[in-house]
PDB file of N, CA and C in Angstrom:
ATOM      1  N   UNK A   1       0.382  -1.226  -0.040  1.00  0.00           N
ATOM      2  CA  UNK A   1       0.092  -0.019   0.292  1.00  0.00           C
ATOM      3  C   UNK A   1       0.659   1.033   0.074  1.00  0.00           C
ATOM      4  N   UNK A   2       0.705   1.900  -0.776  1.00  0.00           N
ATOM      5  CA  UNK A   2       1.328   3.289  -1.170  1.00  0.00           C
ATOM      6  C   UNK A   2       1.182   4.743  -0.070  1.00  0.00           C
ATOM      7  N   UNK A   3       1.898   5.427  -0.007  1.00  0.00           N
ATOM      8  CA  UNK A   3       1.537   6.058   1.505  1.00  0.00           C
ATOM      9  C   UNK A   3       0.648   7.192   0.901  1.00  0.00           C
ATOM     10  N   UNK A   4       0.579   7.496  -0.891  1.00  0.00           N
ATOM     11  CA  UNK A   4      -0.917   8.353  -1.180  1.00  0.00           C
ATOM     12  C   UNK A   4      -1.999   7.470  -0.511  1.00  0.00           C
ATOM     13  N   UNK A   5      -2.014   6.027  -0.948  1.00  0.00           N
ATOM     14  CA  UNK A   5      -3.443   5.225  -0.230  1.00  0.00           C
ATOM     15  C   UNK A   5      -3.529   5.600   0.672  1.00  0.00           C
ATOM     16  N   UNK A   6      -2.935   5.343   1.464  1.00  0.00           N
ATOM     17  CA  UNK A   6      -2.861   5.333   2.883  1.00  0.00           C
ATOM     18  C   UNK A   6      -3.353   6.776   3.927  1.00  0.00           C
ATOM     19  N   UNK A   7      -2.652   7.716   2.880  1.00  0.00           N
ATOM     20  CA  UNK A   7      -2.661   8.992   3.143  1.00  0.00           C
ATOM     21  C   UNK A   7      -4.371   9.314   2.699  1.00  0.00           C
ATOM     22  N   UNK A   8      -4.637   9.067   2.009  1.00  0.00           N
ATOM     23  CA  UNK A   8      -6.402   9.189   1.643  1.00  0.00           C
ATOM     24  C   UNK A   8      -7.603   8.652   1.905  1.00  0.00           C
ATOM     25  N   UNK A   9      -6.931   7.152   2.553  1.00  0.00           N
ATOM     26  CA  UNK A   9      -7.873   6.217   3.757  1.00  0.00           C
ATOM     27  C   UNK A   9      -8.017   7.056   5.054  1.00  0.00           C
ATOM     28  N   UNK A  10      -7.112   7.730   5.300  1.00  0.00           N
ATOM     29  CA  UNK A  10      -6.580   8.155   6.819  1.00  0.00           C
ATOM     30  C   UNK A  10      -7.494   9.702   6.703  1.00  0.00           C
ATOM     31  N   UNK A  11      -7.978  10.034   5.436  1.00  0.00           N
ATOM     32  CA  UNK A  11      -8.494  11.377   5.734  1.00  0.00           C
ATOM     33  C   UNK A  11     -10.228  11.045   5.007  1.00  0.00           C
ATOM     34  N   UNK A  12     -10.435  10.317   4.874  1.00  0.00           N
ATOM     35  CA  UNK A  12     -11.952   9.430   4.659  1.00  0.00           C
ATOM     36  C   UNK A  12     -12.330   9.047   6.048  1.00  0.00           C
ATOM     37  N   UNK A  13     -11.126   8.303   6.718  1.00  0.00           N
ATOM     38  CA  UNK A  13     -11.914   7.744   7.910  1.00  0.00           C
ATOM     39  C   UNK A  13     -12.042   9.171   8.649  1.00  0.00           C
ATOM     40  N   UNK A  14     -11.261  10.195   9.025  1.00  0.00           N
ATOM     41  CA  UNK A  14     -11.413  11.529   9.794  1.00  0.00           C
ATOM     42  C   UNK A  14     -12.576  11.723   8.943  1.00  0.00           C
ATOM     43  N   UNK A  15     -13.330  12.176   7.875  1.00  0.00           N
ATOM     44  CA  UNK A  15     -14.101  12.708   7.571  1.00  0.00           C
ATOM     45  C   UNK A  15     -15.468  12.350   7.882  1.00  0.00           C
ATOM     46  N   UNK A  16     -15.044  10.705   7.908  1.00  0.00           N
ATOM     47  CA  UNK A  16     -16.323  10.060   8.528  1.00  0.00           C
ATOM     48  C   UNK A  16     -16.611   9.826   9.665  1.00  0.00           C
ATOM     49  N   UNK A  17     -15.738   9.874  10.589  1.00  0.00           N
ATOM     50  CA  UNK A  17     -15.466   9.952  11.976  1.00  0.00           C
ATOM     51  C   UNK A  17     -16.301  10.921  12.050  1.00  0.00           C
ATOM     52  N   UNK A  18     -16.074  12.479  11.624  1.00  0.00           N
ATOM     53  CA  UNK A  18     -16.307  13.673  12.078  1.00  0.00           C
ATOM     54  C   UNK A  18     -17.855  14.100  12.257  1.00  0.00           C
ATOM     55  N   UNK A  19     -18.377  12.885  10.827  1.00  0.00           N
ATOM     56  CA  UNK A  19     -19.825  13.119  10.467  1.00  0.00           C
ATOM     57  C   UNK A  19     -20.677  12.135  11.177  1.00  0.00           C
ATOM     58  N   UNK A  20     -20.043  11.459  12.023  1.00  0.00           N
ATOM     59  CA  UNK A  20     -20.878  10.146  12.974  1.00  0.00           C
ATOM     60  C   UNK A  20     -20.760  11.286  13.835  1.00  0.00           C
ATOM     61  N   UNK A  21     -19.503  12.074  14.781  1.00  0.00           N
ATOM     62  CA  UNK A  21     -19.530  12.529  15.789  1.00  0.00           C
ATOM     63  C   UNK A  21     -20.607  13.716  15.773  1.00  0.00           C
ATOM     64  N   UNK A  22     -20.412  14.266  14.878  1.00  0.00           N
ATOM     65  CA  UNK A  22     -21.467  15.819  14.021  1.00  0.00           C
ATOM     66  C   UNK A  22     -22.717  15.185  14.516  1.00  0.00           C
ATOM     67  N   UNK A  23     -23.534  13.651  13.761  1.00  0.00           N
ATOM     68  CA  UNK A  23     -24.411  13.192  14.118  1.00  0.00           C
ATOM     69  C   UNK A  23     -25.184  13.196  15.187  1.00  0.00           C
ATOM     70  N   UNK A  24     -24.237  12.473  15.849  1.00  0.00           N
ATOM     71  CA  UNK A  24     -24.109  12.134  17.534  1.00  0.00           C
ATOM     72  C   UNK A  24     -24.383  13.613  18.639  1.00  0.00           C
ATOM     73  N   UNK A  25     -24.118  14.508  17.784  1.00  0.00           N
ATOM     74  CA  UNK A  25     -24.276  15.687  18.745  1.00  0.00           C
ATOM     75  C   UNK A  25     -25.309  16.382  18.406  1.00  0.00           C
ATOM     76  N   UNK A  26     -25.717  16.525  17.241  1.00  0.00           N
ATOM     77  CA  UNK A  26     -27.387  17.099  16.885  1.00  0.00           C
ATOM     78  C   UNK A  26     -27.785  16.066  17.350  1.00  0.00           C
ATOM     79  N   UNK A  27     -28.142  14.805  17.409  1.00  0.00           N
ATOM     80  CA  UNK A  27     -29.279  14.192  17.933  1.00  0.00           C
ATOM     81  C   UNK A  27     -29.382  14.556  19.416  1.00  0.00           C
ATOM     82  N   UNK A  28     -28.186  14.280  19.868  1.00  0.00           N
ATOM     83  CA  UNK A  28     -27.907  14.523  21.821  1.00  0.00           C
ATOM     84  C   UNK A  28     -28.949  16.088  21.983  1.00  0.00           C
ATOM     85  N   UNK A  29     -27.850  17.172  21.038  1.00  0.00           N
ATOM     86  CA  UNK A  29     -28.604  18.558  21.219  1.00  0.00           C
ATOM     87  C   UNK A  29     -30.012  18.906  20.546  1.00  0.00           C
ATOM     88  N   UNK A  30     -30.876  18.380  19.618  1.00  0.00           N
ATOM     89  CA  UNK A  30     -32.014  18.380  19.186  1.00  0.00           C
ATOM     90  C   UNK A  30     -32.929  17.339  19.926  1.00  0.00           C
ATOM     91  N   UNK A  31     -32.377  16.326  20.183  1.00  0.00           N
ATOM     92  CA  UNK A  31     -33.313  15.276  20.790  1.00  0.00           C
ATOM     93  C   UNK A  31     -33.173  14.762  22.084  1.00  0.00           C
ATOM     94  N   UNK A  32     -32.804  15.678  22.788  1.00  0.00           N
ATOM     95  CA  UNK A  32     -32.135  15.312  23.983  1.00  0.00           C
ATOM     96  C   UNK A  32     -33.121  14.731  25.155  1.00  0.00           C
ATOM     97  N   UNK A  33     -34.282  15.011  24.952  1.00  0.00           N
ATOM     98  CA  UNK A  33     -35.293  14.564  25.857  1.00  0.00           C
ATOM     99  C   UNK A  33     -35.980  12.978  25.072  1.00  0.00           C
ATOM    100  N   UNK A  34     -36.254  12.732  24.142  1.00  0.00           N
ATOM    101  CA  UNK A  34     -36.502  11.853  23.435  1.00  0.00           C
ATOM    102  C   UNK A  34     -35.189  11.061  23.860  1.00  0.00           C
ATOM    103  N   UNK A  35     -34.317  10.926  23.194  1.00  0.00           N
ATOM    104  CA  UNK A  35     -33.057   9.975  23.842  1.00  0.00           C
ATOM    105  C   UNK A  35     -32.862   9.958  25.270  1.00  0.00           C
ATOM    106  N   UNK A  36     -32.975  10.501  26.280  1.00  0.00           N
ATOM    107  CA  UNK A  36     -33.033  10.413  27.732  1.00  0.00           C
ATOM    108  C   UNK A  36     -34.331   9.494  28.379  1.00  0.00           C
ATOM    109  N   UNK A  37     -35.626   9.949  27.734  1.00  0.00           N
ATOM    110  CA  UNK A  37     -36.562   9.112  28.062  1.00  0.00           C
ATOM    111  C   UNK A  37     -36.176   7.246  27.400  1.00  0.00           C
ATOM    112  N   UNK A  38     -35.986   7.160  26.113  1.00  0.00           N
ATOM    113  CA  UNK A  38     -35.024   5.409  25.593  1.00  0.00           C
ATOM    114  C   UNK A  38     -34.664   5.374  26.849  1.00  0.00           C
ATOM    115  N   UNK A  39     -33.587   6.090  26.785  1.00  0.00           N
ATOM    116  CA  UNK A  39     -32.261   5.445  27.637  1.00  0.00           C
ATOM    117  C   UNK A  39     -32.939   5.325  29.312  1.00  0.00           C
ATOM    118  N   UNK A  40     -33.600   6.049  29.481  1.00  0.00           N
ATOM    119  CA  UNK A  40     -34.538   6.209  31.262  1.00  0.00           C
ATOM    120  C   UNK A  40     -35.267   4.552  31.165  1.00  0.00           C
ATOM    121  N   UNK A  41     -35.746   3.942  30.253  1.00  0.00           N
ATOM    122  CA  UNK A  41     -36.438   2.814  30.258  1.00  0.00           C
ATOM    123  C   UNK A  41     -35.489   1.760  30.444  1.00  0.00           C
ATOM    124  N   UNK A  42     -33.611   1.843  29.795  1.00  0.00           N
ATOM    125  CA  UNK A  42     -32.917   0.853  30.411  1.00  0.00           C
ATOM    126  C   UNK A  42     -31.953   1.003  31.481  1.00  0.00           C
ATOM    127  N   UNK A  43     -31.797   1.802  32.125  1.00  0.00           N
ATOM    128  CA  UNK A  43     -30.472   2.422  32.661  1.00  0.00           C
ATOM    129  C   UNK A  43     -31.087   3.753  33.522  1.00  0.00           C
ATOM    130  N   UNK A  44     -30.967   3.684  34.895  1.00  0.00           N
ATOM    131  CA  UNK A  44     -31.516   4.349  36.221  1.00  0.00           C
ATOM    132  C   UNK A  44     -30.305   5.386  36.203  1.00  0.00           C
ATOM    133  N   UNK A  45     -30.519   6.474  35.329  1.00  0.00           N
ATOM    134  CA  UNK A  45     -29.461   7.622  34.994  1.00  0.00           C
ATOM    135  C   UNK A  45     -30.575   9.013  35.640  1.00  0.00           C
ATOM    136  N   UNK A  46     -29.926   9.972  36.461  1.00  0.00           N
ATOM    137  CA  UNK A  46     -30.018  11.200  36.463  1.00  0.00           C
ATOM    138  C   UNK A  46     -29.825  12.426  35.183  1.00  0.00           C
ATOM    139  N   UNK A  47     -30.741  13.287  35.021  1.00  0.00           N
ATOM    140  CA  UNK A  47     -30.535  14.229  34.041  1.00  0.00           C
ATOM    141  C   UNK A  47     -28.873  14.850  34.146  1.00  0.00           C
ATOM    142  N   UNK A  48     -28.424  14.525  34.904  1.00  0.00           N
ATOM    143  CA  UNK A  48     -26.790  15.145  34.995  1.00  0.00           C
ATOM    144  C   UNK A  48     -26.217  14.183  34.430  1.00  0.00           C
ATOM    145  N   UNK A  49     -26.353  12.709  34.761  1.00  0.00           N
ATOM    146  CA  UNK A  49     -25.485  11.812  34.760  1.00  0.00           C
ATOM    147  C   UNK A  49     -25.813  11.512  33.339  1.00  0.00           C
ATOM    148  N   UNK A  50     -26.612  11.696  32.890  1.00  0.00           N
ATOM    149  CA  UNK A  50     -27.123  11.337  31.395  1.00  0.00           C
ATOM    150  C   UNK A  50     -26.064  11.843  30.600  1.00  0.00           C
ATOM    151  N   UNK A  51     -26.159  13.372  30.576  1.00  0.00           N
ATOM    152  CA  UNK A  51     -25.577  14.494  30.092  1.00  0.00           C
ATOM    153  C   UNK A  51     -24.253  14.509  30.187  1.00  0.00           C
ATOM    154  N   UNK A  52     -23.195  14.081  31.319  1.00  0.00           N
ATOM    155  CA  UNK A  52     -22.041  13.565  31.447  1.00  0.00           C
ATOM    156  C   UNK A  52     -21.537  12.437  30.850  1.00  0.00           C
ATOM    157  N   UNK A  53     -22.526  11.220  30.564  1.00  0.00           N
ATOM    158  CA  UNK A  53     -22.265  10.289  30.122  1.00  0.00           C
ATOM    159  C   UNK A  53     -21.735  10.510  28.294  1.00  0.00           C
ATOM    160  N   UNK A  54     -22.525  11.336  27.790  1.00  0.00           N
ATOM    161  CA  UNK A  54     -22.965  11.167  26.536  1.00  0.00           C
ATOM    162  C   UNK A  54     -21.834  12.690  26.306  1.00  0.00           C
ATOM    163  N   UNK A  55     -21.650  13.305  26.564  1.00  0.00           N
ATOM    164  CA  UNK A  55     -20.456  14.054  26.345  1.00  0.00           C
ATOM    165  C   UNK A  55     -19.458  13.895  27.055  1.00  0.00           C
ATOM    166  N   UNK A  56     -18.924  12.752  27.482  1.00  0.00           N
ATOM    167  CA  UNK A  56     -17.518  11.784  27.917  1.00  0.00           C
ATOM    168  C   UNK A  56     -17.699  11.309  26.854  1.00  0.00           C
ATOM    169  N   UNK A  57     -18.681  10.740  26.352  1.00  0.00           N
ATOM    170  CA  UNK A  57     -18.110   9.611  25.265  1.00  0.00           C
ATOM    171  C   UNK A  57     -17.857  10.348  23.762  1.00  0.00           C
ATOM    172  N   UNK A  58     -18.383  11.679  23.782  1.00  0.00           N
ATOM    173  CA  UNK A  58     -18.238  12.337  22.563  1.00  0.00           C
ATOM    174  C   UNK A  58     -16.623  12.768  22.510  1.00  0.00           C
ATOM    175  N   UNK A  59     -16.320  13.103  23.852  1.00  0.00           N
ATOM    176  CA  UNK A  59     -14.742  13.420  24.428  1.00  0.00           C
ATOM    177  C   UNK A  59     -14.104  12.438  23.957  1.00  0.00           C
ATOM    178  N   UNK A  60     -14.109  11.050  23.955  1.00  0.00           N
ATOM    179  CA  UNK A  60     -13.317   9.941  24.147  1.00  0.00           C
ATOM    180  C   UNK A  60     -13.281  10.024  22.698  1.00  0.00           C
ATOM    181  N   UNK A  61     -14.265  10.063  21.805  1.00  0.00           N
ATOM    182  CA  UNK A  61     -14.654   9.780  20.462  1.00  0.00           C
ATOM    183  C   UNK A  61     -14.085  10.426  19.968  1.00  0.00           C
ATOM    184  N   UNK A  62     -13.943  11.694  20.039  1.00  0.00           N
ATOM    185  CA  UNK A  62     -12.749  12.981  19.372  1.00  0.00           C
ATOM    186  C   UNK A  62     -11.333  12.490  19.682  1.00  0.00           C
ATOM    187  N   UNK A  63     -11.457  12.588  20.741  1.00  0.00           N
ATOM    188  CA  UNK A  63      -9.811  12.039  20.993  1.00  0.00           C
ATOM    189  C   UNK A  63      -9.150  10.675  20.189  1.00  0.00           C
ATOM    190  N   UNK A  64     -10.117   9.957  19.706  1.00  0.00           N
ATOM    191  CA  UNK A  64      -9.498   8.633  19.046  1.00  0.00           C
ATOM    192  C   UNK A  64      -9.713   9.271  17.795  1.00  0.00           C
ATOM    193  N   UNK A  65     -10.488  10.040  16.875  1.00  0.00           N
ATOM    194  CA  UNK A  65     -10.312  10.313  15.570  1.00  0.00           C
ATOM    195  C   UNK A  65      -9.283  11.299  15.688  1.00  0.00           C
ATOM    196  N   UNK A  66      -8.729  12.189  16.607  1.00  0.00           N
ATOM    197  CA  UNK A  66      -7.463  12.743  16.378  1.00  0.00           C
ATOM    198  C   UNK A  66      -6.376  12.040  16.427  1.00  0.00           C
ATOM    199  N   UNK A  67      -5.880  11.122  17.198  1.00  0.00           N
ATOM    200  CA  UNK A  67      -4.910   9.995  17.823  1.00  0.00           C
ATOM    201  C   UNK A  67      -5.196   9.007  17.237  1.00  0.00           C
ATOM    202  N   UNK A  68      -5.971   8.207  16.053  1.00  0.00           N
ATOM    203  CA  UNK A  68      -5.713   7.368  14.988  1.00  0.00           C
ATOM    204  C   UNK A  68      -6.213   7.707  13.425  1.00  0.00           C
ATOM    205  N   UNK A  69      -6.323   8.698  13.288  1.00  0.00           N
ATOM    206  CA  UNK A  69      -7.024   9.040  12.023  1.00  0.00           C
ATOM    207  C   UNK A  69      -6.838  10.412  11.767  1.00  0.00           C
ATOM    208  N   UNK A  70      -6.761  11.531  12.472  1.00  0.00           N
ATOM    209  CA  UNK A  70      -5.755  13.061  12.215  1.00  0.00           C
ATOM    210  C   UNK A  70      -4.670  13.277  12.480  1.00  0.00           C
ATOM    211  N   UNK A  71      -4.118  12.974  13.371  1.00  0.00           N
ATOM    212  CA  UNK A  71      -2.604  12.640  13.736  1.00  0.00           C
ATOM    213  C   UNK A  71      -1.695  11.765  12.344  1.00  0.00           C
ATOM    214  N   UNK A  72      -2.072  10.527  12.239  1.00  0.00           N
ATOM    215  CA  UNK A  72      -1.222  10.143  10.984  1.00  0.00           C
ATOM    216  C   UNK A  72      -1.876  10.638   9.742  1.00  0.00           C
ATOM    217  N   UNK A  73      -2.644  10.922   9.236  1.00  0.00           N
ATOM    218  CA  UNK A  73      -3.307  11.277   8.105  1.00  0.00           C
ATOM    219  C   UNK A  73      -1.562  12.796   8.098  1.00  0.00           C
ATOM    220  N   UNK A  74      -1.489  13.721   9.216  1.00  0.00           N
ATOM    221  CA  UNK A  74      -1.030  14.481   8.996  1.00  0.00           C
ATOM    222  C   UNK A  74       0.556  14.599   8.944  1.00  0.00           C
ATOM    223  N   UNK A  75       1.033  13.392   9.630  1.00  0.00           N
ATOM    224  CA  UNK A  75       2.480  12.753   9.541  1.00  0.00           C
ATOM    225  C   UNK A  75       2.639  12.503   8.188  1.00  0.00           C
ATOM    226  N   UNK A  76       1.779  11.694   7.183  1.00  0.00           N
ATOM    227  CA  UNK A  76       2.213  11.278   6.424  1.00  0.00           C
ATOM    228  C   UNK A  76       2.076  12.650   5.296  1.00  0.00           C
ATOM    229  N   UNK A  77       1.160  13.588   5.235  1.00  0.00           N
ATOM    230  CA  UNK A  77       1.211  14.796   4.540  1.00  0.00           C
ATOM    231  C   UNK A  77       2.868  15.227   4.997  1.00  0.00           C
ATOM    232  N   UNK A  78       3.749  15.689   6.023  1.00  0.00           N
ATOM    233  CA  UNK A  78       3.754  15.953   6.061  1.00  0.00           C
ATOM    234  C   UNK A  78       5.660  14.958   5.633  1.00  0.00           C
ATOM    235  N   UNK A  79       5.667  13.828   5.689  1.00  0.00           N
ATOM    236  CA  UNK A  79       6.464  13.467   5.128  1.00  0.00           C
ATOM    237  C   UNK A  79       6.744  12.824   4.067  1.00  0.00           C
ATOM    238  N   UNK A  80       5.367  13.292   3.081  1.00  0.00           N
ATOM    239  CA  UNK A  80       5.404  13.138   1.719  1.00  0.00           C
ATOM    240  C   UNK A  80       5.949  14.453   0.552  1.00  0.00           C
TER     241      UNK A  80
END
């Protein structure tokens, strides 16, 4: 696999993952009460716990995107 193919792969992974993160945020921001009512049937979470879990999940996902997709993409751009 060439550097160009790997770089394109990482670029598309970054774009798709940020798209997923954006959809997650939009669902959370616009459908907060609906999502919380669905999760409330399965888990006993207060509103603050629910918010904290989602924000932490989004933060961990974003850090993963940066570490595993964006940084390697930038490195390959620099060395090319």
